[in-house]
N, C-alpha and C. Protein backbone atom coordinates (compact mmCIF):
# COMPACT_ATOMS: atom_id res chain seq x y z
N UNK A 1 93.72 115.16 52.27
CA UNK A 1 93.79 115.67 53.70
C UNK A 1 92.79 115.11 54.41
N UNK A 2 93.24 114.24 55.55
CA UNK A 2 92.15 113.52 55.98
C UNK A 2 91.53 114.35 57.40
N UNK A 3 90.12 114.45 57.79
CA UNK A 3 90.06 114.93 58.66
C UNK A 3 89.43 114.05 60.27
N UNK A 4 90.12 114.76 61.46
CA UNK A 4 89.82 113.84 62.14
C UNK A 4 88.91 113.98 63.28
N UNK A 5 88.15 112.90 63.22
CA UNK A 5 86.84 113.03 64.19
C UNK A 5 86.74 113.59 65.46
N UNK A 6 86.35 114.49 65.76
CA UNK A 6 86.11 115.23 67.00
C UNK A 6 85.44 114.35 68.33
N UNK A 7 86.29 113.93 69.08
CA UNK A 7 85.89 113.10 70.05
C UNK A 7 85.57 113.97 71.29
N UNK A 8 84.50 113.38 72.05
CA UNK A 8 84.02 114.11 73.40
C UNK A 8 85.08 113.93 74.27
N UNK A 9 85.52 114.59 75.44
CA UNK A 9 86.21 113.98 76.64
C UNK A 9 86.52 112.41 76.78
N UNK A 10 85.43 112.49 77.30
CA UNK A 10 84.92 110.77 77.61
C UNK A 10 85.49 109.66 76.69
N UNK A 11 85.61 110.29 75.45
CA UNK A 11 85.36 109.26 74.26
C UNK A 11 86.84 109.19 74.19
N UNK A 12 87.85 109.90 73.84
CA UNK A 12 88.85 110.36 73.69
C UNK A 12 89.68 110.08 75.10
N UNK A 13 89.34 109.83 75.91
CA UNK A 13 89.91 109.14 77.71
C UNK A 13 89.77 107.41 77.03
N UNK A 14 88.55 107.10 76.88
CA UNK A 14 88.74 105.82 76.45
C UNK A 14 89.11 105.26 75.14
N UNK A 15 89.06 105.92 74.65
CA UNK A 15 90.28 105.66 73.32
C UNK A 15 91.63 105.59 73.61
N UNK A 16 92.10 106.28 74.59
CA UNK A 16 93.49 106.36 74.73
C UNK A 16 93.69 105.04 75.88
N UNK A 17 92.74 104.67 76.73
CA UNK A 17 92.58 103.64 77.64
C UNK A 17 92.77 102.40 76.68
N UNK A 18 92.26 102.16 75.93
CA UNK A 18 91.89 100.98 74.87
C UNK A 18 93.50 100.90 74.51
N UNK A 19 94.04 102.08 73.77
CA UNK A 19 95.04 102.04 72.90
C UNK A 19 96.48 101.32 73.76
N UNK A 20 96.39 102.20 74.71
CA UNK A 20 97.06 101.70 75.97
C UNK A 20 97.18 100.01 76.28
N UNK A 21 95.82 99.83 76.67
CA UNK A 21 95.78 98.30 76.87
C UNK A 21 96.33 97.57 75.75
N UNK A 22 96.32 97.86 74.59
CA UNK A 22 96.80 97.36 73.31
C UNK A 22 98.18 97.34 73.53
N UNK A 23 98.64 98.45 73.78
CA UNK A 23 100.44 98.13 73.74
C UNK A 23 100.95 97.88 74.75
N UNK A 24 99.98 97.83 76.10
CA UNK A 24 100.83 96.44 77.19
C UNK A 24 100.46 95.00 76.58
N UNK A 25 99.37 95.07 76.31
CA UNK A 25 99.33 93.42 75.88
C UNK A 25 100.31 93.19 74.39
N UNK A 26 100.56 93.73 73.70
CA UNK A 26 101.49 93.52 72.28
C UNK A 26 103.02 93.51 72.54
N UNK A 27 103.18 94.60 73.64
CA UNK A 27 104.76 95.22 73.60
C UNK A 27 104.89 95.04 75.08
N UNK A 28 104.42 95.25 76.09
CA UNK A 28 104.89 95.18 77.63
C UNK A 28 104.38 96.45 78.07
N UNK A 29 104.45 96.58 79.60
CA UNK A 29 104.23 97.90 80.08
C UNK A 29 105.05 99.05 79.62
N UNK A 30 106.46 98.89 79.30
CA UNK A 30 107.20 99.85 79.36
C UNK A 30 106.60 100.74 78.30
N UNK A 31 105.95 100.10 77.33
CA UNK A 31 105.60 100.27 76.22
C UNK A 31 104.84 101.62 76.42
N UNK A 32 103.61 101.50 77.32
CA UNK A 32 102.86 102.25 77.91
C UNK A 32 103.26 103.90 78.14
N UNK A 33 103.39 104.60 77.02
CA UNK A 33 103.66 106.27 77.22
C UNK A 33 103.01 106.75 76.57
N UNK A 34 102.84 108.42 77.25
CA UNK A 34 101.88 109.14 76.56
C UNK A 34 102.37 109.62 75.09
N UNK A 35 103.45 109.33 74.51
CA UNK A 35 103.99 109.49 73.34
C UNK A 35 103.49 108.49 72.69
N UNK A 36 103.35 107.17 73.13
CA UNK A 36 103.10 106.13 72.10
C UNK A 36 101.71 106.26 71.97
N UNK A 37 100.56 106.25 73.16
CA UNK A 37 99.39 106.24 73.18
C UNK A 37 98.73 107.31 72.19
N UNK A 38 99.40 108.42 72.20
CA UNK A 38 98.74 109.54 71.58
C UNK A 38 99.07 109.30 69.85
N UNK A 39 100.08 108.22 69.94
CA UNK A 39 100.56 108.25 68.42
C UNK A 39 99.69 107.43 67.69
N UNK A 40 99.27 106.29 68.80
CA UNK A 40 98.09 105.12 68.40
C UNK A 40 97.11 105.73 67.93
N UNK A 41 96.35 106.69 68.74
CA UNK A 41 95.43 107.14 68.44
C UNK A 41 94.76 108.53 67.86
N UNK A 42 96.38 109.31 67.49
CA UNK A 42 96.11 110.22 66.25
C UNK A 42 95.99 111.56 67.33
N UNK A 43 96.35 112.05 68.67
CA UNK A 43 96.39 112.65 69.46
C UNK A 43 97.69 113.13 69.92
N UNK A 44 97.63 114.52 70.02
CA UNK A 44 99.13 114.71 70.49
C UNK A 44 99.38 114.47 72.06
N UNK A 45 100.51 114.49 72.41
CA UNK A 45 101.32 114.52 73.73
C UNK A 45 100.29 115.29 74.74
N UNK A 46 100.20 116.66 74.28
CA UNK A 46 99.29 117.69 75.23
C UNK A 46 98.12 117.27 75.72
N UNK A 47 97.31 116.91 74.38
CA UNK A 47 96.01 116.38 74.84
C UNK A 47 95.90 115.30 75.88
N UNK A 48 96.85 114.27 75.67
CA UNK A 48 96.93 113.20 76.58
C UNK A 48 97.13 113.69 78.02
N UNK A 49 98.08 114.56 78.12
CA UNK A 49 98.35 115.06 79.28
C UNK A 49 97.33 115.83 79.96
N UNK A 50 96.47 116.72 79.24
CA UNK A 50 95.44 117.15 79.69
C UNK A 50 94.32 116.35 80.80
N UNK A 51 94.29 114.65 79.90
CA UNK A 51 93.35 114.08 80.44
C UNK A 51 93.58 113.43 81.54
N UNK A 52 95.47 113.17 81.82
CA UNK A 52 95.83 112.11 82.47
C UNK A 52 96.89 112.89 83.36
N UNK A 53 97.37 114.01 83.04
CA UNK A 53 98.08 114.43 83.56
C UNK A 53 99.73 114.23 83.54
N UNK A 54 100.20 113.25 83.35
CA UNK A 54 101.34 112.60 83.59
C UNK A 54 101.18 110.93 83.37
N UNK A 55 102.53 110.24 82.84
CA UNK A 55 102.60 109.04 82.55
C UNK A 55 102.07 108.27 83.36
N UNK A 56 102.53 108.76 84.63
CA UNK A 56 102.59 107.50 86.02
C UNK A 56 100.57 107.74 86.12
N UNK A 57 99.99 109.09 85.68
CA UNK A 57 98.73 108.78 85.58
C UNK A 57 97.67 108.14 84.74
N UNK A 58 98.23 107.81 83.29
CA UNK A 58 97.74 107.21 82.44
C UNK A 58 97.79 105.58 83.26
N UNK A 59 99.12 105.66 83.77
CA UNK A 59 98.95 103.90 83.98
C UNK A 59 98.40 103.99 85.11
N UNK A 60 98.26 104.78 86.05
CA UNK A 60 96.97 104.26 87.06
C UNK A 60 95.58 104.47 86.49
N UNK A 61 95.51 105.44 85.62
CA UNK A 61 94.33 105.44 84.84
C UNK A 61 94.17 104.07 84.25
N UNK A 62 94.87 103.21 83.67
CA UNK A 62 94.86 102.04 82.87
C UNK A 62 94.61 100.55 83.85
N UNK A 63 95.60 100.74 84.91
CA UNK A 63 94.96 99.85 85.75
C UNK A 63 93.67 100.04 86.74
N UNK A 64 92.99 101.42 86.81
CA UNK A 64 91.54 101.47 87.04
C UNK A 64 90.92 100.78 86.12
N UNK A 65 91.15 101.31 84.47
CA UNK A 65 90.21 100.60 83.77
C UNK A 65 90.30 98.92 83.52
N UNK A 66 91.46 98.14 83.19
CA UNK A 66 91.96 97.12 83.59
C UNK A 66 91.06 96.22 84.75
N UNK A 67 91.36 96.60 86.23
CA UNK A 67 90.73 96.06 87.05
C UNK A 67 89.17 95.91 86.86
N UNK A 68 88.53 97.35 86.61
CA UNK A 68 87.19 96.90 85.96
C UNK A 68 86.43 96.23 85.19
N UNK A 69 87.67 96.08 84.32
CA UNK A 69 87.21 95.23 82.94
C UNK A 69 87.47 93.79 83.58
N UNK A 70 88.61 93.49 84.57
CA UNK A 70 89.17 92.35 84.73
C UNK A 70 87.72 91.88 85.74
N UNK A 71 87.29 92.48 86.72
CA UNK A 71 86.96 91.96 87.74
C UNK A 71 84.96 91.86 86.99
N UNK A 72 84.95 92.66 85.93
CA UNK A 72 83.37 92.68 85.46
C UNK A 72 83.25 90.68 84.62
N UNK A 73 84.58 90.64 84.57
CA UNK A 73 84.89 89.31 83.62
C UNK A 73 84.53 88.19 84.40
N UNK A 74 85.39 88.65 85.78
CA UNK A 74 85.10 87.13 86.70
C UNK A 74 83.88 87.24 87.51
N UNK A 75 83.34 88.80 87.53
CA UNK A 75 82.10 88.11 88.12
C UNK A 75 81.26 87.59 87.22
N UNK A 76 81.06 87.95 85.85
CA UNK A 76 80.24 86.88 85.08
C UNK A 76 80.54 85.48 84.97
N UNK A 77 81.94 84.99 85.52
CA UNK A 77 82.26 83.42 85.35
C UNK A 77 81.68 83.40 86.45
N UNK A 78 81.63 84.05 88.04
CA UNK A 78 81.28 83.30 89.11
C UNK A 78 79.45 83.29 88.99
N UNK A 79 79.21 84.30 88.52
CA UNK A 79 77.59 84.18 88.22
C UNK A 79 77.01 83.39 87.48
N UNK A 80 77.56 82.80 86.16
CA UNK A 80 77.56 81.74 85.42
C UNK A 80 77.88 80.19 86.28
N UNK A 81 79.09 80.45 86.92
CA UNK A 81 79.24 78.76 87.83
C UNK A 81 78.17 78.45 89.00
N UNK A 82 77.69 79.82 89.54
CA UNK A 82 76.79 79.57 90.18
C UNK A 82 75.21 78.79 90.04
N UNK A 83 74.84 79.11 88.59
CA UNK A 83 73.73 79.01 87.64
C UNK A 83 74.02 77.73 87.04
N UNK A 84 74.99 77.11 87.31
CA UNK A 84 75.41 75.78 86.60
C UNK A 84 75.86 75.93 85.04
N UNK A 85 75.62 77.09 84.58
CA UNK A 85 76.09 77.49 82.83
C UNK A 85 77.89 77.03 83.32
N UNK A 86 78.40 78.07 84.35
CA UNK A 86 80.03 77.45 84.13
C UNK A 86 80.76 76.86 85.10
N UNK A 87 82.00 76.78 85.38
CA UNK A 87 82.32 76.02 86.56
C UNK A 87 83.55 76.81 87.18
N UNK A 88 83.63 76.29 88.31
CA UNK A 88 84.76 77.29 88.99
C UNK A 88 85.93 76.95 88.15
N UNK A 89 86.52 75.98 87.38
CA UNK A 89 87.75 76.39 86.65
C UNK A 89 87.39 77.37 85.70
N UNK A 90 86.89 77.78 85.24
CA UNK A 90 85.97 79.10 84.27
C UNK A 90 86.59 80.51 85.10
N UNK A 91 86.01 80.58 86.22
CA UNK A 91 86.49 81.98 87.28
C UNK A 91 88.37 81.76 87.62
N UNK A 92 88.73 80.69 87.67
CA UNK A 92 90.25 80.34 87.86
C UNK A 92 90.67 81.22 86.25
N UNK A 93 90.35 80.20 85.48
CA UNK A 93 91.22 80.85 84.14
C UNK A 93 90.87 82.26 83.97
N UNK A 94 89.96 82.51 84.28
CA UNK A 94 89.31 84.01 83.44
C UNK A 94 90.23 85.35 84.34
N UNK A 95 90.47 84.68 85.68
CA UNK A 95 91.75 85.65 86.79
C UNK A 95 93.11 85.57 86.50
N UNK A 96 93.21 84.13 86.04
CA UNK A 96 94.72 84.32 85.58
C UNK A 96 95.05 84.86 84.32
N UNK A 97 94.11 84.84 83.56
CA UNK A 97 94.21 85.26 82.05
C UNK A 97 94.22 86.51 82.30
N UNK A 98 93.55 87.12 82.95
CA UNK A 98 93.14 88.66 83.33
C UNK A 98 94.68 89.32 83.70
N UNK A 99 95.33 88.48 84.73
CA UNK A 99 97.03 88.80 84.69
C UNK A 99 97.82 88.72 84.15
N UNK A 100 97.82 87.32 83.13
CA UNK A 100 98.70 86.90 82.00
C UNK A 100 98.40 87.65 80.60
N UNK A 101 97.39 86.97 80.06
CA UNK A 101 97.26 87.59 78.83
C UNK A 101 96.70 88.77 78.63
N UNK A 102 96.11 89.37 79.43
CA UNK A 102 95.41 91.06 79.37
C UNK A 102 96.47 91.57 79.64
N UNK A 103 97.76 91.27 80.97
CA UNK A 103 98.71 92.15 81.32
C UNK A 103 98.53 92.93 82.37
N UNK A 104 97.63 92.27 83.27
CA UNK A 104 97.28 92.80 84.45
C UNK A 104 98.59 93.03 85.28
N UNK A 105 99.29 91.71 85.27
CA UNK A 105 100.44 91.64 86.10
C UNK A 105 101.59 92.17 86.05
N UNK A 106 101.85 92.23 84.62
CA UNK A 106 103.07 92.87 84.30
C UNK A 106 102.79 94.57 84.72
N UNK A 107 101.53 94.88 84.48
CA UNK A 107 101.48 96.36 84.48
C UNK A 107 101.79 96.92 86.25
N UNK A 108 101.05 95.98 86.94
CA UNK A 108 100.75 95.94 88.47
C UNK A 108 102.19 96.03 88.98
N UNK A 109 103.27 95.54 88.28
CA UNK A 109 104.46 95.35 88.85
C UNK A 109 105.55 96.44 87.98
N UNK A 110 105.46 96.25 87.31
CA UNK A 110 105.91 97.64 86.75
C UNK A 110 105.67 98.70 87.22
N UNK A 111 104.75 98.94 87.56
CA UNK A 111 104.25 100.83 88.44
C UNK A 111 104.68 100.40 89.56
N UNK A 112 104.94 99.15 90.60
CA UNK A 112 105.18 99.23 91.50
C UNK A 112 106.99 99.51 91.85
N UNK A 113 107.55 98.74 90.74
CA UNK A 113 109.00 99.35 90.24
C UNK A 113 109.48 100.35 90.00
N UNK A 114 108.41 100.98 89.41
CA UNK A 114 108.93 102.50 88.71
C UNK A 114 108.46 103.32 89.95
N UNK A 115 108.17 103.16 90.90
CA UNK A 115 107.95 103.81 92.39
C UNK A 115 106.51 104.08 92.67
N UNK A 116 105.31 103.96 91.58
CA UNK A 116 104.16 104.46 91.79
C UNK A 116 103.62 103.82 92.49
N UNK A 117 103.58 103.34 94.25
CA UNK A 117 103.37 103.38 95.31
C UNK A 117 101.93 102.49 95.38
N UNK A 118 100.68 103.21 94.97
CA UNK A 118 99.47 103.23 95.16
C UNK A 118 99.32 102.50 93.74
N UNK A 119 100.02 101.93 92.69
CA UNK A 119 99.64 101.49 91.58
C UNK A 119 98.26 100.51 91.63
N UNK A 120 98.68 99.68 92.85
CA UNK A 120 97.77 98.60 93.01
C UNK A 120 96.44 98.94 93.61
N UNK A 121 96.62 100.03 94.01
CA UNK A 121 95.31 100.70 94.31
C UNK A 121 93.75 100.21 93.57
N UNK A 122 93.65 100.73 92.67
CA UNK A 122 92.47 100.31 91.70
C UNK A 122 92.08 98.95 91.65
N UNK A 123 93.25 97.96 91.34
CA UNK A 123 92.91 96.68 91.35
C UNK A 123 92.21 96.04 92.78
N UNK A 124 92.77 96.44 93.86
CA UNK A 124 92.30 95.83 95.08
C UNK A 124 91.07 96.57 95.61
N UNK A 125 90.84 97.70 95.25
CA UNK A 125 89.46 98.64 95.58
C UNK A 125 88.40 97.35 94.18
N UNK A 126 88.93 97.40 93.36
CA UNK A 126 87.83 96.59 92.10
C UNK A 126 87.43 95.18 92.56
N UNK A 127 88.84 94.37 93.38
CA UNK A 127 88.31 93.11 94.36
C UNK A 127 87.73 93.26 95.17
N UNK A 128 88.14 93.95 95.94
CA UNK A 128 86.97 94.48 96.93
C UNK A 128 85.88 94.39 97.03
N UNK A 129 85.28 95.26 95.86
CA UNK A 129 84.12 95.58 95.43
C UNK A 129 83.48 93.93 94.75
N UNK A 130 84.26 93.56 93.86
CA UNK A 130 83.71 92.17 93.02
C UNK A 130 83.12 91.20 94.45
N UNK A 131 83.94 90.96 96.00
CA UNK A 131 84.02 90.06 96.68
C UNK A 131 82.57 90.54 97.53
N UNK A 132 82.48 91.58 97.71
CA UNK A 132 81.58 92.52 98.24
C UNK A 132 80.14 92.24 97.47
N UNK A 133 80.17 91.84 96.55
CA UNK A 133 78.81 92.37 95.58
C UNK A 133 78.77 90.54 95.29
N UNK A 134 79.51 90.07 95.28
CA UNK A 134 79.49 88.41 94.89
C UNK A 134 78.77 87.84 95.97
N UNK A 135 79.29 88.12 97.01
CA UNK A 135 79.41 86.81 98.38
C UNK A 135 78.97 87.68 99.62
N UNK A 136 78.45 87.07 100.59
CA UNK A 136 78.13 87.87 101.88
C UNK A 136 79.49 87.76 102.28
N UNK A 137 79.45 89.43 102.52
CA UNK A 137 81.14 89.71 103.21
C UNK A 137 81.07 89.54 104.40
N UNK A 138 80.50 88.86 105.10
CA UNK A 138 80.93 87.66 106.51
C UNK A 138 81.57 86.24 106.18
N UNK A 139 81.12 86.20 105.07
CA UNK A 139 81.66 84.89 104.51
C UNK A 139 83.65 84.96 104.30
N UNK A 140 84.48 84.98 105.88
CA UNK A 140 85.51 85.21 105.24
C UNK A 140 86.45 84.39 104.70
N UNK A 141 85.68 83.02 104.66
CA UNK A 141 86.91 82.11 104.03
C UNK A 141 86.83 82.67 102.42
N UNK A 142 85.72 82.71 101.51
CA UNK A 142 85.59 83.48 100.11
C UNK A 142 86.66 84.57 100.30
N UNK A 143 86.59 85.51 100.89
CA UNK A 143 87.27 86.32 101.15
C UNK A 143 89.07 86.08 101.10
N UNK A 144 89.57 85.17 101.86
CA UNK A 144 90.45 84.55 101.76
C UNK A 144 90.95 83.83 100.30
N UNK A 145 90.32 83.13 100.07
CA UNK A 145 90.12 82.45 98.91
C UNK A 145 90.27 82.91 97.55
N UNK A 146 89.56 84.42 97.56
CA UNK A 146 89.78 85.54 96.40
C UNK A 146 91.02 86.02 96.79
N UNK A 147 92.02 86.25 98.05
CA UNK A 147 93.26 87.00 98.23
C UNK A 147 94.29 85.74 97.61
N UNK A 148 93.88 84.89 97.66
CA UNK A 148 94.76 83.43 97.34
C UNK A 148 94.48 83.63 95.88
N UNK A 149 93.40 83.47 95.13
CA UNK A 149 93.33 83.28 93.93
C UNK A 149 94.26 84.44 92.87
N UNK A 150 93.80 85.77 93.62
CA UNK A 150 94.57 86.75 92.95
C UNK A 150 95.89 87.02 93.08
N UNK A 151 96.13 86.31 93.87
CA UNK A 151 98.19 86.77 94.70
C UNK A 151 98.56 85.44 93.70
N UNK A 152 97.93 84.03 93.61
CA UNK A 152 98.37 82.87 92.43
C UNK A 152 98.37 83.36 91.18
N UNK A 153 97.16 84.10 90.90
CA UNK A 153 97.22 84.63 89.35
C UNK A 153 98.05 85.69 89.38
N UNK A 154 98.91 86.75 89.96
CA UNK A 154 99.54 87.32 89.87
C UNK A 154 101.13 86.83 89.73
N UNK A 155 101.12 86.07 90.81
CA UNK A 155 102.70 85.31 90.33
C UNK A 155 102.81 84.48 89.36
N UNK A 156 101.75 83.55 89.15
CA UNK A 156 101.55 83.10 88.03
C UNK A 156 101.80 83.94 86.68
N UNK A 157 101.79 84.82 86.43
CA UNK A 157 102.16 85.53 85.18
C UNK A 157 103.30 86.57 85.07
N UNK A 158 103.75 86.24 86.27
CA UNK A 158 105.39 86.86 86.47
C UNK A 158 106.45 85.81 86.45
N UNK A 159 105.84 84.35 87.11
CA UNK A 159 106.73 83.73 86.91
C UNK A 159 106.85 82.12 86.88
N UNK A 160 105.09 82.04 86.64
CA UNK A 160 104.60 80.68 86.87
C UNK A 160 105.38 79.14 85.47
N UNK A 161 105.75 79.95 84.24
CA UNK A 161 106.23 79.34 83.21
C UNK A 161 107.56 79.01 83.72
N UNK A 162 108.64 79.37 84.11
CA UNK A 162 110.22 79.16 84.25
C UNK A 162 109.71 78.29 86.08
N UNK A 163 109.02 79.02 86.64
CA UNK A 163 108.97 78.19 87.86
C UNK A 163 108.59 76.76 87.94
N UNK A 164 107.71 76.61 87.25
CA UNK A 164 107.02 75.43 86.95
C UNK A 164 108.20 74.54 85.99
N UNK A 165 108.21 75.05 85.16
CA UNK A 165 109.60 73.93 84.31
C UNK A 165 110.53 73.65 85.42
N UNK A 166 111.10 74.45 86.25
CA UNK A 166 112.32 74.09 87.07
C UNK A 166 112.01 73.24 88.04
N UNK A 167 110.93 73.55 88.66
CA UNK A 167 110.13 72.25 89.65
C UNK A 167 109.47 71.01 88.90
N UNK A 168 109.73 70.80 87.39
CA UNK A 168 108.81 69.72 86.41
C UNK A 168 107.64 69.24 86.91
N UNK A 169 107.05 70.56 87.25
CA UNK A 169 105.09 70.88 87.24
C UNK A 169 104.83 71.08 86.05
N UNK A 170 103.49 70.37 85.64
CA UNK A 170 102.88 70.92 84.35
C UNK A 170 102.58 72.42 84.74
N UNK A 171 102.39 72.98 83.54
CA UNK A 171 102.54 74.11 83.84
C UNK A 171 101.02 74.93 84.32
N UNK A 172 100.31 74.12 84.19
CA UNK A 172 98.75 74.31 84.84
C UNK A 172 98.94 74.11 86.20
N UNK A 173 99.45 73.69 87.32
CA UNK A 173 99.75 73.52 88.42
C UNK A 173 99.05 74.71 89.22
N UNK A 174 99.65 75.97 89.38
CA UNK A 174 99.03 76.99 89.99
C UNK A 174 97.45 76.98 89.39
N UNK A 175 96.97 76.64 88.72
CA UNK A 175 95.58 77.12 88.14
C UNK A 175 94.99 75.98 88.90
N UNK A 176 95.39 74.76 88.60
CA UNK A 176 95.04 73.31 89.19
C UNK A 176 94.46 73.89 91.19
N UNK A 177 95.82 74.44 91.82
CA UNK A 177 95.55 74.39 93.03
C UNK A 177 94.49 75.65 93.21
N UNK A 178 94.80 76.22 92.89
CA UNK A 178 93.71 77.45 92.56
C UNK A 178 91.88 77.25 92.42
N UNK A 179 92.14 76.35 91.46
CA UNK A 179 90.43 75.88 91.19
C UNK A 179 90.19 75.01 92.50
N UNK A 180 91.41 74.24 92.83
CA UNK A 180 90.56 72.93 94.18
C UNK A 180 90.63 74.28 95.61
N UNK A 181 91.12 74.81 95.69
CA UNK A 181 90.69 76.07 96.69
C UNK A 181 89.31 76.44 96.66
N UNK A 182 89.10 77.05 95.41
CA UNK A 182 87.55 77.66 95.00
C UNK A 182 86.80 76.44 95.31
N UNK A 183 86.67 75.55 94.65
CA UNK A 183 85.65 74.52 94.72
C UNK A 183 85.85 73.95 96.25
N UNK A 184 86.46 74.08 97.36
CA UNK A 184 86.65 73.62 98.41
C UNK A 184 85.98 74.86 99.27
N UNK A 185 86.09 76.12 99.34
CA UNK A 185 85.57 77.15 99.74
C UNK A 185 84.44 77.20 99.30
N UNK A 186 83.99 76.81 98.38
CA UNK A 186 82.47 77.15 97.41
C UNK A 186 81.84 76.29 97.98
N UNK A 187 81.98 75.19 98.09
CA UNK A 187 81.44 73.96 98.66
C UNK A 187 80.72 73.92 100.07
N UNK A 188 82.22 74.67 100.74
CA UNK A 188 82.25 74.90 102.69
C UNK A 188 81.27 76.17 102.56
N UNK A 189 81.11 76.74 101.76
CA UNK A 189 79.72 77.96 101.81
C UNK A 189 78.63 77.41 101.56
N UNK A 190 78.42 76.59 101.09
CA UNK A 190 76.99 76.47 100.78
C UNK A 190 76.94 76.80 98.83
N UNK A 191 77.95 76.87 98.38
CA UNK A 191 77.49 77.76 97.16
C UNK A 191 77.55 76.69 95.80
N UNK A 192 78.01 75.64 96.07
CA UNK A 192 78.35 74.05 95.30
C UNK A 192 77.98 73.32 95.96
N UNK A 193 77.10 72.50 94.78
CA UNK A 193 76.77 71.06 95.77
C UNK A 193 78.17 70.16 95.50
N UNK A 194 78.25 69.19 96.83
CA UNK A 194 78.99 68.56 97.31
C UNK A 194 79.58 68.07 96.22
N UNK A 195 80.76 67.22 95.72
CA UNK A 195 81.23 66.31 94.88
C UNK A 195 81.79 66.73 93.85
N UNK A 196 81.73 67.98 93.71
CA UNK A 196 82.24 68.67 92.43
C UNK A 196 83.70 68.34 92.40
N UNK A 197 84.48 67.82 91.37
CA UNK A 197 85.94 67.68 91.53
C UNK A 197 86.41 68.73 90.60
N UNK A 198 87.91 69.08 91.19
CA UNK A 198 88.58 69.94 90.20
C UNK A 198 88.78 69.06 88.62
N UNK A 199 88.82 70.12 87.50
CA UNK A 199 88.66 69.61 86.41
C UNK A 199 90.03 69.18 85.68
């Protein structure tokens, strides 16, 4: 007979979000259900209903969780780039990977298609907070580049492979464009030395 470890409400919620994230990455957003997450962490459907209220609540909490971890990763890359440890391409790659490999793009689009109209709120809020934290908020150019970077990453996650193939462009074309935009804006804002070229 196995004894199930008693988790605090916060530990149980975190375990559910990590399980939901794994399901999202492994099998897609349609698999992020209360039943599937409960089975993965050895809890009951009722237990997850208590924490999230509904499948929609779970998905929105997952979007918020992903947004926070995505933005923290991107922030680390930006700080490393500024200090000379990393480069603008690292920022671009982490942003694109967050929406593609980490499942952020699939989750956001699926939630919108299923009628959860405020699904992107946590992602938008996290990105807004990241831009405010990393840049002088009066730098409109950097906000514009952040918007463009995120839109490129989201679009690339959803249809970048087939579209670049049909246009006979390299698969990295969207990332290359985003990198050039980021370098240009950061150089004009005095955040990068002149002469850095896209890699």
